[in-house]
Amino acid sequence: MISTIVPTFDRAALLRRALSSVQSQSLRSDEVIVVDDGSSDGTRELVASEFPTVRYLFQDNLGVSAARNRGARAAAGEWLAFLDSDDEWLPPKLERQLQALAAEPEARICHTDEIWIRDGRRVNQGRRHAKPSGWVFRRCLPLCAISPSAVVIHRSLFEALGGFDETLPACEDYDLWLRLSAGHPVLLVDEPLVVKYGGHDDQLSRTVWGLDRFRVRALEKILASGRLGAGDRRAALETAVAKSRVFAAGAAKRGRGAEAAEYRRRAQGWAAELEHESAVGSP
């Protein structure tokens, strides 16, 4: 059984497109859950009138992580699929993924490639955005290499990881994939089966400044977890140094002297760890 979870906040018009794509799947979800994160734009009425088979849950505005986690707790499915309300699935998406998972019975997470649309035009992805497969931890360090809208994940794995971190206002997906890929391989269906739309005003990249500070927090968590082997730990330390320096430079340009100093201090501390590990010949 597969449950599809769609978090949304004041995106009624976009939600219609997302839910229509779920209903157009060649292999349909056993249940579809919309978690409304405090909308006041007629989302409830839209779901009731146009998608009466969809389960609708309302909560106060707690953020996308809380909305996804609420949907996962309410879901009955063995497998969970997430779809952000501004994205859409192509019709064979779920069918291709379940076929891939059936062929790899040990796999507990599967994602797909995607198509990017920005301001109404298709955008070519760079080589660094190529979707990874297998043991992908180091591929997940520079950027968010897995899209929530492209994922089907076994609920036992999602629950074991603790779901999305609700204390992170952004980069919560980056954080989850670091924790997941540190201990589990990732299966890829190498087809573009998700359409991701960008350019609208409520995207976090436009509304939240300094996203690298949340990536640094995610790196702090995984470094403190004790779950990384020596090579992965060094790679995570190098990324933490780089991202802390980038954020410090941005903070300084914006006159945020205290934040700039704090992140320079963090970068220096992690750089010192790297030097120490190199000096003692850490394997």
Protein backbone atom coordinates (compact mmCIF):
# COMPACT_ATOMS: atom_id res chain seq x y z
CA MET A 1 0.00 0.00 0.00
CA ILE A 2 1.31 3.44 -0.92
CA SER A 3 0.23 6.72 0.64
CA THR A 4 0.83 10.06 -1.10
CA ILE A 5 1.31 13.09 1.15
CA VAL A 6 0.93 16.63 -0.20
CA PRO A 7 1.79 19.51 2.17
CA THR A 8 0.46 22.90 1.16
CA PHE A 9 0.12 26.48 2.36
CA ASP A 10 -1.91 29.11 0.47
CA ARG A 11 -1.35 27.45 -2.91
CA ALA A 12 -4.86 26.47 -3.95
CA ALA A 13 -4.28 27.11 -7.67
CA LEU A 14 -1.02 25.16 -7.71
CA LEU A 15 -2.46 22.41 -5.53
CA ARG A 16 -5.06 21.68 -8.20
CA ARG A 17 -2.29 20.86 -10.69
CA ALA A 18 -0.42 18.70 -8.17
CA LEU A 19 -3.46 16.66 -7.17
CA SER A 20 -4.55 16.24 -10.78
CA SER A 21 -1.14 14.72 -11.52
CA VAL A 22 -1.57 12.29 -8.61
CA GLN A 23 -4.93 11.21 -9.94
CA SER A 24 -3.47 10.76 -13.43
CA GLN A 25 -0.94 8.14 -12.33
CA SER A 26 -0.90 4.89 -14.27
CA LEU A 27 -0.63 3.20 -10.88
CA ARG A 28 -2.74 5.06 -8.37
CA SER A 29 -1.95 5.70 -4.72
CA ASP A 30 -4.00 3.75 -2.21
CA GLU A 31 -4.63 7.01 -0.37
CA VAL A 32 -3.86 10.69 -0.90
CA ILE A 33 -3.49 13.02 2.07
CA VAL A 34 -3.36 16.81 1.82
CA VAL A 35 -1.94 18.48 4.91
CA ASP A 36 -3.02 22.12 4.90
CA ASP A 37 -0.48 24.11 6.91
CA GLY A 38 -2.83 26.94 7.87
CA SER A 39 -4.09 28.16 4.48
CA SER A 40 -6.70 30.91 4.20
CA ASP A 41 -7.11 30.89 0.40
CA GLY A 42 -9.90 28.37 -0.12
CA THR A 43 -7.71 25.26 -0.08
CA ARG A 44 -10.21 23.34 2.05
CA GLU A 45 -13.05 24.16 -0.35
CA LEU A 46 -10.96 23.22 -3.39
CA VAL A 47 -10.13 19.79 -2.03
CA ALA A 48 -13.73 19.13 -0.92
CA SER A 49 -15.30 20.16 -4.23
CA GLU A 50 -12.76 18.91 -6.81
CA PHE A 51 -10.96 16.05 -5.04
CA PRO A 52 -13.54 14.46 -2.72
CA THR A 53 -11.59 11.18 -2.35
CA VAL A 54 -8.56 13.02 -0.96
CA ARG A 55 -8.14 13.01 2.81
CA TYR A 56 -7.79 16.57 4.08
CA LEU A 57 -5.99 17.46 7.31
CA PHE A 58 -5.68 21.01 8.65
CA GLN A 59 -3.09 22.32 11.09
CA ASP A 60 -1.86 25.69 12.27
CA ASN A 61 1.02 27.12 10.26
CA LEU A 62 3.92 25.01 11.57
CA GLY A 63 6.00 24.66 8.41
CA VAL A 64 6.47 22.12 5.65
CA SER A 65 8.41 19.65 7.83
CA ALA A 66 5.60 19.47 10.37
CA ALA A 67 3.07 19.10 7.56
CA ARG A 68 4.95 16.21 5.94
CA ASN A 69 5.44 14.51 9.30
CA ARG A 70 1.77 14.93 10.17
CA GLY A 71 0.81 13.30 6.89
CA ALA A 72 3.22 10.43 7.48
CA ARG A 73 1.79 9.77 10.94
CA ALA A 74 -1.73 9.72 9.55
CA ALA A 75 -0.87 7.52 6.56
CA ALA A 76 -1.77 3.84 6.41
CA GLY A 77 0.64 2.90 3.64
CA GLU A 78 3.75 0.77 3.89
CA TRP A 79 5.35 3.16 1.38
CA LEU A 80 5.20 6.96 1.56
CA ALA A 81 5.38 9.28 -1.45
CA PHE A 82 5.70 13.04 -1.01
CA LEU A 83 4.66 15.71 -3.49
CA ASP A 84 5.14 19.42 -2.87
CA SER A 85 2.08 21.38 -3.90
CA ASP A 86 3.94 23.44 -6.52
CA ASP A 87 5.27 20.36 -8.33
CA GLU A 88 3.63 17.64 -10.42
CA TRP A 89 4.20 14.01 -11.33
CA LEU A 90 4.25 12.58 -14.82
CA PRO A 91 1.77 9.69 -15.26
CA PRO A 92 4.19 6.70 -15.00
CA LYS A 93 6.04 8.00 -11.93
CA LEU A 94 4.73 5.74 -9.17
CA GLU A 95 4.48 2.70 -11.43
CA ARG A 96 8.14 2.99 -12.51
CA GLN A 97 9.27 3.36 -8.91
CA LEU A 98 7.32 0.41 -7.60
CA GLN A 99 8.64 -1.72 -10.46
CA ALA A 100 12.19 -0.68 -9.51
CA LEU A 101 11.58 -1.42 -5.84
CA ALA A 102 10.12 -4.84 -6.68
CA ALA A 103 13.30 -5.63 -8.61
CA GLU A 104 15.48 -4.51 -5.66
CA PRO A 105 13.67 -5.93 -2.62
CA GLU A 106 16.33 -4.68 -0.16
CA ALA A 107 15.85 -1.05 -1.25
CA ARG A 108 13.97 1.22 1.13
CA ILE A 109 14.05 4.49 -0.81
CA CYS A 110 13.70 5.31 -4.49
CA HIS A 111 13.80 8.63 -6.31
CA THR A 112 13.65 9.78 -9.93
CA ASP A 113 15.14 12.39 -12.19
CA GLU A 114 13.16 15.58 -12.75
CA ILE A 115 12.36 18.37 -15.18
CA TRP A 116 12.93 21.97 -14.07
CA ILE A 117 10.65 24.82 -15.11
CA ARG A 118 11.64 28.36 -14.11
CA ASP A 119 9.35 31.29 -14.88
CA GLY A 120 7.51 29.17 -17.43
CA ARG A 121 10.57 27.90 -19.30
CA ARG A 122 12.41 24.61 -19.12
CA VAL A 123 15.89 24.95 -17.60
CA ASN A 124 18.79 22.61 -18.35
CA GLN A 125 20.35 21.17 -15.21
CA GLY A 126 24.10 21.31 -14.68
CA ARG A 127 26.27 18.22 -14.32
CA ARG A 128 26.43 18.71 -10.55
CA HIS A 129 22.64 18.27 -10.39
CA ALA A 130 22.77 14.76 -11.89
CA LYS A 131 20.74 12.45 -9.64
CA PRO A 132 22.81 9.98 -7.61
CA SER A 133 22.29 6.29 -6.96
CA GLY A 134 23.73 3.82 -4.46
CA TRP A 135 25.81 5.02 -1.52
CA VAL A 136 25.38 8.74 -2.13
CA PHE A 137 26.36 10.49 1.11
CA ARG A 138 29.20 12.48 -0.41
CA ARG A 139 27.03 13.43 -3.39
CA CYS A 140 24.49 14.87 -0.92
CA LEU A 141 26.99 17.17 0.80
CA PRO A 142 27.35 20.06 -1.71
CA LEU A 143 23.65 20.47 -2.42
CA CYS A 144 20.26 18.83 -1.95
CA ALA A 145 20.65 15.91 -4.36
CA ILE A 146 17.22 14.34 -3.78
CA SER A 147 13.88 16.08 -4.25
CA PRO A 148 11.09 15.26 -1.77
CA SER A 149 8.65 15.24 -4.68
CA ALA A 150 10.65 12.46 -6.34
CA VAL A 151 10.84 10.11 -3.35
CA VAL A 152 9.08 6.91 -2.40
CA ILE A 153 10.35 5.76 1.01
CA HIS A 154 9.44 2.82 3.24
CA ARG A 155 7.67 4.11 6.30
CA SER A 156 9.86 2.01 8.62
CA LEU A 157 12.95 3.88 7.36
CA PHE A 158 11.22 7.26 7.54
CA GLU A 159 10.16 6.58 11.12
CA ALA A 160 13.59 5.24 12.13
CA LEU A 161 15.17 8.48 10.89
CA GLY A 162 12.64 10.55 12.83
CA GLY A 163 11.16 12.20 9.75
CA PHE A 164 11.89 15.79 8.75
CA ASP A 165 13.47 18.08 11.35
CA GLU A 166 10.72 20.50 12.34
CA THR A 167 13.18 22.96 13.89
CA LEU A 168 14.66 23.75 10.47
CA PRO A 169 12.71 26.46 8.60
CA ALA A 170 14.52 25.51 5.37
CA CYS A 171 16.94 22.86 4.03
CA GLU A 172 15.01 20.22 5.96
CA ASP A 173 15.28 17.92 2.93
CA TYR A 174 19.08 18.38 2.80
CA ASP A 175 19.19 17.38 6.46
CA LEU A 176 17.07 14.27 6.03
CA TRP A 177 19.03 12.98 3.04
CA LEU A 178 22.31 13.39 4.91
CA ARG A 179 20.99 11.34 7.80
CA LEU A 180 19.53 8.74 5.45
CA SER A 181 22.44 8.38 3.03
CA ALA A 182 24.94 8.04 5.89
CA GLY A 183 23.56 4.56 6.48
CA HIS A 184 21.43 3.49 3.52
CA PRO A 185 21.80 3.19 -0.27
CA VAL A 186 19.43 5.08 -2.54
CA LEU A 187 17.75 3.59 -5.62
CA LEU A 188 17.32 5.78 -8.71
CA VAL A 189 14.86 5.52 -11.58
CA ASP A 190 16.88 7.41 -14.16
CA GLU A 191 13.91 9.02 -15.90
CA PRO A 192 12.54 12.57 -15.50
CA LEU A 193 9.21 11.76 -13.88
CA VAL A 194 8.71 14.87 -11.73
CA VAL A 195 8.19 18.43 -12.94
CA LYS A 196 9.53 21.01 -10.50
CA TYR A 197 8.38 24.60 -10.94
CA GLY A 198 10.36 27.58 -9.74
CA GLY A 199 10.28 31.33 -9.91
CA HIS A 200 7.17 31.97 -7.79
CA ASP A 201 7.37 34.49 -5.00
CA ASP A 202 6.78 32.17 -2.03
CA GLN A 203 9.74 29.90 -2.67
CA LEU A 204 12.03 29.61 0.35
CA SER A 205 15.05 30.55 -1.74
CA ARG A 206 13.37 33.92 -2.25
CA THR A 207 11.82 34.43 1.17
CA VAL A 208 14.53 33.11 3.52
CA TRP A 209 17.98 34.70 3.53
CA GLY A 210 21.17 32.75 4.20
CA LEU A 211 20.10 29.18 3.51
CA ASP A 212 23.63 27.91 4.11
CA ARG A 213 23.22 28.45 7.87
CA PHE A 214 20.58 25.68 7.87
CA ARG A 215 22.85 23.41 5.84
CA VAL A 216 25.59 24.07 8.38
CA ARG A 217 23.21 23.05 11.16
CA ALA A 218 22.44 19.82 9.31
CA LEU A 219 26.16 19.16 8.93
CA GLU A 220 26.70 19.80 12.64
CA LYS A 221 24.06 17.19 13.42
CA ILE A 222 25.50 14.48 11.21
CA LEU A 223 29.05 15.17 12.41
CA ALA A 224 27.89 14.86 16.02
CA SER A 225 25.97 11.65 15.35
CA GLY A 226 29.04 9.40 15.39
CA ARG A 227 27.64 7.51 12.39
CA LEU A 228 30.22 8.56 9.80
CA GLY A 229 33.27 6.61 8.74
CA ALA A 230 36.57 8.45 8.51
CA GLY A 231 36.32 9.30 4.80
CA ASP A 232 32.72 10.51 5.00
CA ARG A 233 33.53 12.50 8.13
CA ARG A 234 36.40 14.30 6.43
CA ALA A 235 34.16 15.10 3.46
CA ALA A 236 31.47 16.46 5.80
CA LEU A 237 34.04 18.57 7.69
CA GLU A 238 35.34 20.03 4.43
CA THR A 239 31.79 20.92 3.39
CA ALA A 240 31.02 22.45 6.79
CA VAL A 241 34.13 24.66 6.53
CA ALA A 242 33.20 25.80 3.01
CA LYS A 243 29.55 26.52 3.76
CA SER A 244 30.37 28.33 7.02
CA ARG A 245 32.78 30.60 5.16
CA VAL A 246 30.22 31.31 2.44
CA PHE A 247 27.60 32.24 5.03
CA ALA A 248 30.08 34.36 6.99
CA ALA A 249 30.96 36.33 3.85
CA GLY A 250 27.28 36.89 3.07
CA ALA A 251 26.53 37.96 6.62
CA ALA A 252 29.42 40.44 6.57
CA LYS A 253 28.12 42.03 3.36
CA ARG A 254 24.74 42.54 5.03
CA GLY A 255 26.23 44.18 8.09
CA ARG A 256 25.58 41.16 10.32
CA GLY A 257 28.94 41.29 12.06
CA ALA A 258 28.12 39.00 14.97
CA GLU A 259 26.80 36.24 12.70
CA ALA A 260 29.78 36.59 10.38
CA ALA A 261 32.19 36.24 13.30
CA GLU A 262 30.34 33.20 14.68
CA TYR A 263 30.47 31.33 11.39
CA ARG A 264 34.12 32.23 10.83
CA ARG A 265 34.79 30.75 14.28
CA ARG A 266 32.94 27.56 13.34
CA ALA A 267 34.87 27.28 10.08
CA GLN A 268 38.17 27.67 11.96
CA GLY A 269 37.18 24.97 14.43
CA TRP A 270 36.30 22.45 11.73
CA ALA A 271 39.42 23.33 9.75
CA ALA A 272 41.47 22.61 12.87
CA GLU A 273 39.77 19.21 13.18
CA LEU A 274 40.72 18.42 9.61
CA GLU A 275 44.33 19.39 10.21
CA HIS A 276 44.47 17.27 13.36
CA GLU A 277 43.06 14.20 11.60
CA SER A 278 45.57 14.60 8.78
CA ALA A 279 48.44 14.97 11.27
CA VAL A 280 47.58 11.80 13.18
CA GLY A 281 47.03 9.85 9.97
CA SER A 282 43.38 9.03 10.50
CA PRO A 283 42.51 6.09 8.21
